[in-house]
Amino acid sequence: MAKLIIKWIKSGIGYPRDQRGTMKALGFHRLNEVVEKEDTPTIRGMINKVNHLVSVEEKGNGPK
């Protein structure tokens, strides 16, 4: 399964509490931190909710 490289690029200050909670649920602790997650519909939904705070890059498994 493909992986997603997610980088926190904008502060959550001034945004609703649920969006800050989503950032924590994605595994972020600090601004400019990078996490790697499996590409699942759940993770995609979380990213969609905070897409204004993060940047996303796909990391494939390579040729089969």
Protein backbone atom coordinates (compact mmCIF):
# COMPACT_ATOMS: atom_id res chain seq x y z
CA MET A 1 0.00 0.00 0.00
CA ALA A 2 1.16 3.52 -0.78
CA LYS A 3 2.36 5.88 1.92
CA LEU A 4 1.67 9.57 2.41
CA ILE A 5 4.33 12.03 3.58
CA ILE A 6 2.50 14.78 5.50
CA LYS A 7 4.21 17.99 6.64
CA TRP A 8 2.68 20.49 9.07
CA ILE A 9 3.24 23.88 7.40
CA LYS A 10 0.88 26.33 9.17
CA SER A 11 0.03 26.91 12.82
CA GLY A 12 -3.31 25.75 14.18
CA ILE A 13 -3.73 28.85 16.34
CA GLY A 14 -7.05 30.52 15.63
CA TYR A 15 -8.62 27.41 14.09
CA PRO A 16 -11.35 25.31 15.71
CA ARG A 17 -10.41 22.86 18.45
CA ASP A 18 -11.48 19.86 16.36
CA GLN A 19 -8.94 20.78 13.66
CA ARG A 20 -6.17 21.02 16.26
CA GLY A 21 -7.32 17.62 17.54
CA THR A 22 -7.10 16.20 14.04
CA MET A 23 -3.49 17.39 13.83
CA LYS A 24 -2.72 15.54 17.07
CA ALA A 25 -4.52 12.44 15.78
CA LEU A 26 -2.32 12.54 12.68
CA GLY A 27 0.67 12.38 15.04
CA PHE A 28 1.92 15.96 14.92
CA HIS A 29 3.52 17.72 17.89
CA ARG A 30 5.37 20.68 16.33
CA LEU A 31 5.21 22.95 13.32
CA ASN A 32 7.33 21.75 10.34
CA GLU A 33 7.17 18.17 11.60
CA VAL A 34 6.84 15.39 9.02
CA VAL A 35 4.90 12.15 9.53
CA GLU A 36 4.44 9.14 7.26
CA LYS A 37 1.04 7.43 7.18
CA GLU A 38 -0.62 4.64 5.18
CA ASP A 39 -2.88 5.91 2.38
CA THR A 40 -6.33 4.96 3.72
CA PRO A 41 -9.72 6.64 3.36
CA THR A 42 -9.63 7.56 7.07
CA ILE A 43 -6.27 9.34 6.78
CA ARG A 44 -7.40 11.03 3.55
CA GLY A 45 -10.47 12.37 5.35
CA MET A 46 -8.33 13.72 8.19
CA ILE A 47 -6.01 15.40 5.68
CA ASN A 48 -8.99 16.87 3.84
CA LYS A 49 -10.20 18.44 7.09
CA VAL A 50 -6.88 20.22 7.75
CA ASN A 51 -5.62 20.62 4.16
CA HIS A 52 -4.99 24.34 4.77
CA LEU A 53 -2.47 23.44 7.53
CA VAL A 54 -0.51 20.62 5.85
CA SER A 55 1.21 19.63 2.63
CA VAL A 56 0.95 16.07 1.33
CA GLU A 57 3.23 14.02 -0.89
CA GLU A 58 2.62 10.47 -2.10
CA LYS A 59 5.34 7.88 -1.73
CA GLY A 60 4.77 4.86 -3.94
CA ASN A 61 6.05 1.33 -3.44
CA GLY A 62 7.94 1.35 -6.74
CA PRO A 63 7.51 -0.93 -9.77
CA LYS A 64 6.06 -4.42 -9.36
